[in-house]
Amino acid sequence: MRIKIKVIPRSDHNRVEKVAESYTVRVTAVPVEGKANKAAIKLLAEHFNVSQSQIRIIQGEKSRYKIIEF
């Protein structure tokens, strides 16, 4: 399954929100050395009840807009 997400780093709290056909993922981590990506993957794994190793970033490694595959 593939989904589109928008990652918002440096947020006040961690949260996943459904917006139309995509998701907004707010993380408290900073976008340095992939910390925000790792935090987003961890949060998505908890939200969708899958392991972190099953989630990978297909497109947008260095962008706010990403395509994630489970």
N, C-alpha and C. Protein backbone atom coordinates (compact mmCIF):
# COMPACT_ATOMS: atom_id res chain seq x y z
N MET A 1 0.85 -1.17 0.00
CA MET A 1 0.00 0.00 0.00
C MET A 1 0.89 1.23 0.00
N ARG A 2 0.53 2.22 -0.77
CA ARG A 2 1.28 3.48 -0.83
C ARG A 2 0.37 4.63 -0.40
N ILE A 3 0.94 5.55 0.37
CA ILE A 3 0.20 6.74 0.79
C ILE A 3 1.08 7.96 0.61
N LYS A 4 0.44 9.10 0.45
CA LYS A 4 1.14 10.39 0.38
C LYS A 4 1.09 11.03 1.75
N ILE A 5 2.22 11.58 2.19
CA ILE A 5 2.26 12.26 3.47
C ILE A 5 2.96 13.60 3.32
N LYS A 6 2.66 14.49 4.25
CA LYS A 6 3.38 15.75 4.38
C LYS A 6 3.95 15.74 5.80
N VAL A 7 5.25 15.87 5.91
CA VAL A 7 5.90 15.85 7.22
C VAL A 7 6.15 17.29 7.66
N ILE A 8 5.72 17.61 8.88
CA ILE A 8 5.96 18.93 9.46
C ILE A 8 6.88 18.75 10.66
N PRO A 9 8.18 19.04 10.49
CA PRO A 9 9.12 18.89 11.60
C PRO A 9 9.02 20.06 12.58
N ARG A 10 9.66 19.89 13.73
CA ARG A 10 9.70 20.92 14.79
C ARG A 10 8.30 21.31 15.27
N SER A 11 7.39 20.37 15.29
CA SER A 11 6.05 20.62 15.79
C SER A 11 6.04 20.56 17.31
N ASP A 12 4.97 21.01 17.92
CA ASP A 12 4.85 20.98 19.37
C ASP A 12 4.61 19.57 19.90
N HIS A 13 4.02 18.71 19.06
CA HIS A 13 3.73 17.33 19.49
C HIS A 13 3.68 16.42 18.28
N ASN A 14 3.79 15.12 18.51
CA ASN A 14 3.73 14.13 17.44
C ASN A 14 2.28 13.76 17.18
N ARG A 15 1.89 13.76 15.90
CA ARG A 15 0.50 13.48 15.56
C ARG A 15 0.37 13.12 14.08
N VAL A 16 -0.56 12.21 13.77
CA VAL A 16 -0.89 11.85 12.39
C VAL A 16 -2.31 12.31 12.14
N GLU A 17 -2.52 13.07 11.06
CA GLU A 17 -3.85 13.58 10.72
C GLU A 17 -4.20 13.16 9.30
N LYS A 18 -5.43 12.71 9.10
CA LYS A 18 -5.92 12.38 7.76
C LYS A 18 -6.44 13.65 7.11
N VAL A 19 -5.92 13.99 5.92
CA VAL A 19 -6.34 15.18 5.19
C VAL A 19 -6.67 14.75 3.77
N ALA A 20 -7.95 14.74 3.44
CA ALA A 20 -8.43 14.30 2.12
C ALA A 20 -7.90 12.90 1.82
N GLU A 21 -7.06 12.76 0.79
CA GLU A 21 -6.52 11.45 0.43
C GLU A 21 -5.08 11.26 0.87
N SER A 22 -4.59 12.14 1.73
CA SER A 22 -3.22 12.01 2.20
C SER A 22 -3.20 12.19 3.72
N TYR A 23 -2.01 12.18 4.29
CA TYR A 23 -1.85 12.33 5.73
C TYR A 23 -0.85 13.44 6.02
N THR A 24 -1.06 14.14 7.13
CA THR A 24 -0.10 15.11 7.64
C THR A 24 0.50 14.49 8.89
N VAL A 25 1.84 14.44 8.92
CA VAL A 25 2.54 13.85 10.05
C VAL A 25 3.35 14.96 10.73
N ARG A 26 2.97 15.29 11.94
CA ARG A 26 3.67 16.32 12.71
C ARG A 26 4.62 15.63 13.68
N VAL A 27 5.90 16.01 13.63
CA VAL A 27 6.90 15.41 14.52
C VAL A 27 7.68 16.50 15.23
N THR A 28 8.14 16.20 16.42
CA THR A 28 8.92 17.17 17.19
C THR A 28 10.38 17.18 16.77
N ALA A 29 10.82 16.19 16.02
CA ALA A 29 12.22 16.08 15.59
C ALA A 29 12.59 17.16 14.59
N VAL A 30 13.88 17.46 14.54
CA VAL A 30 14.39 18.44 13.59
C VAL A 30 14.76 17.74 12.28
N PRO A 31 14.69 18.46 11.16
CA PRO A 31 15.00 17.84 9.87
C PRO A 31 16.50 17.80 9.58
N VAL A 32 17.26 17.20 10.47
CA VAL A 32 18.71 17.12 10.33
C VAL A 32 19.12 15.65 10.38
N GLU A 33 19.92 15.22 9.42
CA GLU A 33 20.44 13.86 9.36
C GLU A 33 19.34 12.80 9.41
N GLY A 34 18.19 13.08 8.83
CA GLY A 34 17.11 12.11 8.73
C GLY A 34 16.33 11.87 10.01
N LYS A 35 16.53 12.71 11.03
CA LYS A 35 15.83 12.51 12.30
C LYS A 35 14.32 12.66 12.15
N ALA A 36 13.87 13.62 11.36
CA ALA A 36 12.43 13.82 11.16
C ALA A 36 11.83 12.64 10.38
N ASN A 37 12.56 12.10 9.41
CA ASN A 37 12.08 10.94 8.66
C ASN A 37 11.93 9.73 9.58
N LYS A 38 12.92 9.50 10.43
CA LYS A 38 12.86 8.37 11.36
C LYS A 38 11.70 8.52 12.32
N ALA A 39 11.48 9.73 12.81
CA ALA A 39 10.37 9.99 13.73
C ALA A 39 9.03 9.78 13.02
N ALA A 40 8.95 10.21 11.76
CA ALA A 40 7.71 10.04 10.99
C ALA A 40 7.42 8.56 10.75
N ILE A 41 8.44 7.78 10.43
CA ILE A 41 8.25 6.35 10.21
C ILE A 41 7.80 5.67 11.50
N LYS A 42 8.41 6.05 12.62
CA LYS A 42 8.02 5.47 13.91
C LYS A 42 6.56 5.79 14.22
N LEU A 43 6.16 7.04 14.00
CA LEU A 43 4.79 7.46 14.28
C LEU A 43 3.79 6.77 13.36
N LEU A 44 4.12 6.64 12.08
CA LEU A 44 3.24 5.95 11.14
C LEU A 44 3.11 4.47 11.48
N ALA A 45 4.19 3.86 11.93
CA ALA A 45 4.15 2.45 12.32
C ALA A 45 3.19 2.25 13.49
N GLU A 46 3.22 3.15 14.45
CA GLU A 46 2.31 3.07 15.58
C GLU A 46 0.86 3.31 15.13
N HIS A 47 0.67 4.29 14.26
CA HIS A 47 -0.67 4.65 13.80
C HIS A 47 -1.34 3.51 13.02
N PHE A 48 -0.57 2.88 12.12
CA PHE A 48 -1.12 1.82 11.27
C PHE A 48 -0.90 0.42 11.85
N ASN A 49 -0.30 0.36 13.02
CA ASN A 49 -0.07 -0.90 13.72
C ASN A 49 0.74 -1.90 12.89
N VAL A 50 1.86 -1.43 12.34
CA VAL A 50 2.81 -2.28 11.61
C VAL A 50 4.20 -2.03 12.18
N SER A 51 5.15 -2.86 11.84
CA SER A 51 6.51 -2.64 12.33
C SER A 51 7.20 -1.57 11.48
N GLN A 52 8.18 -0.91 12.07
CA GLN A 52 8.90 0.16 11.37
C GLN A 52 9.64 -0.37 10.15
N SER A 53 10.09 -1.62 10.20
CA SER A 53 10.84 -2.19 9.08
C SER A 53 9.96 -2.42 7.85
N GLN A 54 8.65 -2.41 8.03
CA GLN A 54 7.74 -2.60 6.90
C GLN A 54 7.45 -1.29 6.16
N ILE A 55 7.89 -0.17 6.69
CA ILE A 55 7.61 1.13 6.09
C ILE A 55 8.88 1.67 5.46
N ARG A 56 8.76 2.16 4.23
CA ARG A 56 9.92 2.78 3.60
C ARG A 56 9.48 3.98 2.77
N ILE A 57 10.39 4.91 2.61
CA ILE A 57 10.12 6.12 1.84
C ILE A 57 10.47 5.83 0.38
N ILE A 58 9.47 5.92 -0.48
CA ILE A 58 9.66 5.65 -1.91
C ILE A 58 10.16 6.90 -2.63
N GLN A 59 9.60 8.05 -2.27
CA GLN A 59 9.92 9.30 -2.94
C GLN A 59 9.88 10.44 -1.94
N GLY A 60 10.79 11.41 -2.06
CA GLY A 60 10.76 12.59 -1.22
C GLY A 60 11.59 12.50 0.04
N GLU A 61 12.71 11.80 -0.02
CA GLU A 61 13.57 11.62 1.15
C GLU A 61 13.96 12.95 1.79
N LYS A 62 14.18 13.98 0.96
CA LYS A 62 14.60 15.28 1.49
C LYS A 62 13.56 16.37 1.28
N SER A 63 12.32 15.96 1.11
CA SER A 63 11.22 16.88 0.90
C SER A 63 10.19 16.71 2.00
N ARG A 64 9.34 17.72 2.20
CA ARG A 64 8.24 17.59 3.15
C ARG A 64 7.18 16.64 2.63
N TYR A 65 7.04 16.59 1.32
CA TYR A 65 6.03 15.73 0.70
C TYR A 65 6.68 14.40 0.31
N LYS A 66 6.13 13.31 0.80
CA LYS A 66 6.72 12.00 0.60
C LYS A 66 5.67 10.99 0.17
N ILE A 67 6.14 9.92 -0.46
CA ILE A 67 5.31 8.78 -0.75
C ILE A 67 5.89 7.62 0.07
N ILE A 68 5.04 7.03 0.88
CA ILE A 68 5.44 5.96 1.78
C ILE A 68 4.82 4.65 1.32
N GLU A 69 5.57 3.57 1.43
CA GLU A 69 5.06 2.25 1.08
C GLU A 69 5.14 1.33 2.29
N PHE A 70 4.09 0.55 2.51
CA PHE A 70 4.08 -0.47 3.57
C PHE A 70 4.33 -1.79 2.89
